[in-house]
Amino acid sequence: MSVRNQRPARESGATYRSSTYTGLLPWQVGERRFPPTGLGRRGLNPDDVYAFLDRVAIDMAAVYATLAESRLETVRIKNALRRWQTDQARARNERDNTR
């Protein structure tokens, strides 16, 4: 499988979707082409376009939700690191003061 077709592994706690659903990849959006409408009409079939836009919107919402979770986790880790660093500095100062 090429890198282009690889999908990230699903984590537990992810939004529920059918196991047959596959999210869109950026290249799929870029290469998507819609069939022309039938005779007597100009442009694209609106139903095809709206279905595709709905799918893009769902995938984008999932990406933004995952990004928000990631940012919260980053804040949590940074805060934990700051607490740990503060504790280490206090312990070092106490050791230095007892000498």
C-alpha atoms as a PDB file:
ATOM      1  CA  MET A   1       0.000   0.000   0.000  1.00  0.00           C
ATOM      2  CA  SER A   2       1.396   3.392  -0.916  1.00  0.00           C
ATOM      3  CA  VAL A   3       1.759   6.166   1.640  1.00  0.00           C
ATOM      4  CA  ARG A   4      -0.897   8.073  -0.258  1.00  0.00           C
ATOM      5  CA  ASN A   5      -3.548   5.502   0.634  1.00  0.00           C
ATOM      6  CA  GLN A   6      -2.605   4.920   4.259  1.00  0.00           C
ATOM      7  CA  ARG A   7      -5.130   5.905   6.871  1.00  0.00           C
ATOM      8  CA  PRO A   8      -4.349   6.664  10.498  1.00  0.00           C
ATOM      9  CA  ALA A   9      -5.263   3.947  12.963  1.00  0.00           C
ATOM     10  CA  ARG A  10      -8.574   4.418  14.733  1.00  0.00           C
ATOM     11  CA  GLU A  11      -8.305   5.012  18.459  1.00  0.00           C
ATOM     12  CA  SER A  12     -10.840   3.951  21.010  1.00  0.00           C
ATOM     13  CA  GLY A  13     -13.191   6.746  21.912  1.00  0.00           C
ATOM     14  CA  ALA A  14     -13.336   7.899  18.305  1.00  0.00           C
ATOM     15  CA  THR A  15     -16.634   8.918  16.794  1.00  0.00           C
ATOM     16  CA  TYR A  16     -18.748   5.871  15.958  1.00  0.00           C
ATOM     17  CA  ARG A  17     -18.909   5.011  12.293  1.00  0.00           C
ATOM     18  CA  SER A  18     -19.713   1.912  10.377  1.00  0.00           C
ATOM     19  CA  SER A  19     -16.667  -0.269   9.777  1.00  0.00           C
ATOM     20  CA  THR A  20     -17.387  -0.004   6.046  1.00  0.00           C
ATOM     21  CA  TYR A  21     -17.091   3.804   6.092  1.00  0.00           C
ATOM     22  CA  THR A  22     -13.765   5.134   4.911  1.00  0.00           C
ATOM     23  CA  GLY A  23     -12.944   8.769   5.501  1.00  0.00           C
ATOM     24  CA  LEU A  24     -11.865  10.997   2.670  1.00  0.00           C
ATOM     25  CA  LEU A  25      -8.216  11.596   2.000  1.00  0.00           C
ATOM     26  CA  PRO A  26      -7.052  14.965   0.640  1.00  0.00           C
ATOM     27  CA  TRP A  27      -6.116  13.536  -2.747  1.00  0.00           C
ATOM     28  CA  GLN A  28      -9.611  12.056  -3.081  1.00  0.00           C
ATOM     29  CA  VAL A  29     -11.154  15.498  -2.686  1.00  0.00           C
ATOM     30  CA  GLY A  30      -8.730  16.967  -5.217  1.00  0.00           C
ATOM     31  CA  GLU A  31      -9.353  14.263  -7.790  1.00  0.00           C
ATOM     32  CA  ARG A  32     -13.142  14.059  -7.359  1.00  0.00           C
ATOM     33  CA  ARG A  33     -15.049  14.662 -10.586  1.00  0.00           C
ATOM     34  CA  PHE A  34     -18.817  14.835 -10.948  1.00  0.00           C
ATOM     35  CA  PRO A  35     -20.698  13.528 -13.964  1.00  0.00           C
ATOM     36  CA  PRO A  36     -22.494  16.118 -16.073  1.00  0.00           C
ATOM     37  CA  THR A  37     -26.235  16.427 -15.714  1.00  0.00           C
ATOM     38  CA  GLY A  38     -28.655  14.925 -18.190  1.00  0.00           C
ATOM     39  CA  LEU A  39     -29.703  16.432 -21.469  1.00  0.00           C
ATOM     40  CA  GLY A  40     -31.332  19.832 -21.334  1.00  0.00           C
ATOM     41  CA  ARG A  41     -29.538  20.875 -18.147  1.00  0.00           C
ATOM     42  CA  ARG A  42     -26.234  22.591 -17.644  1.00  0.00           C
ATOM     43  CA  GLY A  43     -23.709  22.016 -14.901  1.00  0.00           C
ATOM     44  CA  LEU A  44     -23.383  19.220 -12.361  1.00  0.00           C
ATOM     45  CA  ASN A  45     -25.989  17.027 -10.756  1.00  0.00           C
ATOM     46  CA  PRO A  46     -26.831  18.874  -7.522  1.00  0.00           C
ATOM     47  CA  ASP A  47     -27.562  15.631  -5.651  1.00  0.00           C
ATOM     48  CA  ASP A  48     -24.036  14.334  -6.369  1.00  0.00           C
ATOM     49  CA  VAL A  49     -22.460  17.614  -5.325  1.00  0.00           C
ATOM     50  CA  TYR A  50     -24.482  17.903  -2.109  1.00  0.00           C
ATOM     51  CA  ALA A  51     -23.771  14.285  -1.139  1.00  0.00           C
ATOM     52  CA  PHE A  52     -20.070  14.852  -1.619  1.00  0.00           C
ATOM     53  CA  LEU A  53     -20.132  18.123   0.329  1.00  0.00           C
ATOM     54  CA  ASP A  54     -21.948  16.384   3.190  1.00  0.00           C
ATOM     55  CA  ARG A  55     -19.237  13.738   3.304  1.00  0.00           C
ATOM     56  CA  VAL A  56     -16.480  16.372   3.274  1.00  0.00           C
ATOM     57  CA  ALA A  57     -18.240  18.256   6.086  1.00  0.00           C
ATOM     58  CA  ILE A  58     -18.477  15.100   8.214  1.00  0.00           C
ATOM     59  CA  ASP A  59     -14.785  14.331   7.727  1.00  0.00           C
ATOM     60  CA  MET A  60     -13.798  17.924   8.467  1.00  0.00           C
ATOM     61  CA  ALA A  61     -15.866  17.890  11.664  1.00  0.00           C
ATOM     62  CA  ALA A  62     -14.071  14.705  12.738  1.00  0.00           C
ATOM     63  CA  VAL A  63     -10.683  16.291  12.009  1.00  0.00           C
ATOM     64  CA  TYR A  64     -11.536  19.406  13.998  1.00  0.00           C
ATOM     65  CA  ALA A  65     -12.820  17.331  16.917  1.00  0.00           C
ATOM     66  CA  THR A  66      -9.620  15.283  16.936  1.00  0.00           C
ATOM     67  CA  LEU A  67      -7.552  18.469  16.740  1.00  0.00           C
ATOM     68  CA  ALA A  68      -9.421  19.929  19.719  1.00  0.00           C
ATOM     69  CA  GLU A  69      -8.798  16.752  21.726  1.00  0.00           C
ATOM     70  CA  SER A  70      -5.130  16.888  20.782  1.00  0.00           C
ATOM     71  CA  ARG A  71      -4.834  20.495  21.909  1.00  0.00           C
ATOM     72  CA  LEU A  72      -6.456  19.668  25.256  1.00  0.00           C
ATOM     73  CA  GLU A  73      -4.050  16.780  25.718  1.00  0.00           C
ATOM     74  CA  THR A  74      -1.123  19.071  24.887  1.00  0.00           C
ATOM     75  CA  VAL A  75      -2.248  21.547  27.561  1.00  0.00           C
ATOM     76  CA  ARG A  76      -2.624  18.721  30.081  1.00  0.00           C
ATOM     77  CA  ILE A  77       0.879  17.418  29.346  1.00  0.00           C
ATOM     78  CA  LYS A  78       2.425  20.903  29.507  1.00  0.00           C
ATOM     79  CA  ASN A  79       0.778  21.558  32.877  1.00  0.00           C
ATOM     80  CA  ALA A  80       1.976  18.214  34.220  1.00  0.00           C
ATOM     81  CA  LEU A  81       5.508  18.982  33.012  1.00  0.00           C
ATOM     82  CA  ARG A  82       5.455  22.405  34.662  1.00  0.00           C
ATOM     83  CA  ARG A  83       4.289  20.868  37.966  1.00  0.00           C
ATOM     84  CA  TRP A  84       7.007  18.235  37.760  1.00  0.00           C
ATOM     85  CA  GLN A  85       9.673  20.863  37.006  1.00  0.00           C
ATOM     86  CA  THR A  86       8.477  22.989  39.937  1.00  0.00           C
ATOM     87  CA  ASP A  87       8.592  19.985  42.260  1.00  0.00           C
ATOM     88  CA  GLN A  88      12.101  19.108  41.077  1.00  0.00           C
ATOM     89  CA  ALA A  89      13.326  22.687  41.567  1.00  0.00           C
ATOM     90  CA  ARG A  90      11.861  22.809  45.095  1.00  0.00           C
ATOM     91  CA  ALA A  91      13.449  19.483  45.978  1.00  0.00           C
ATOM     92  CA  ARG A  92      16.813  20.677  44.626  1.00  0.00           C
ATOM     93  CA  ASN A  93      16.547  23.935  46.607  1.00  0.00           C
ATOM     94  CA  GLU A  94      15.708  22.036  49.800  1.00  0.00           C
ATOM     95  CA  ARG A  95      18.710  19.742  49.287  1.00  0.00           C
ATOM     96  CA  ASP A  96      20.978  22.749  48.705  1.00  0.00           C
ATOM     97  CA  ASN A  97      19.654  24.534  51.801  1.00  0.00           C
ATOM     98  CA  THR A  98      20.281  21.559  54.097  1.00  0.00           C
ATOM     99  CA  ARG A  99      23.961  21.336  53.174  1.00  0.00           C
END
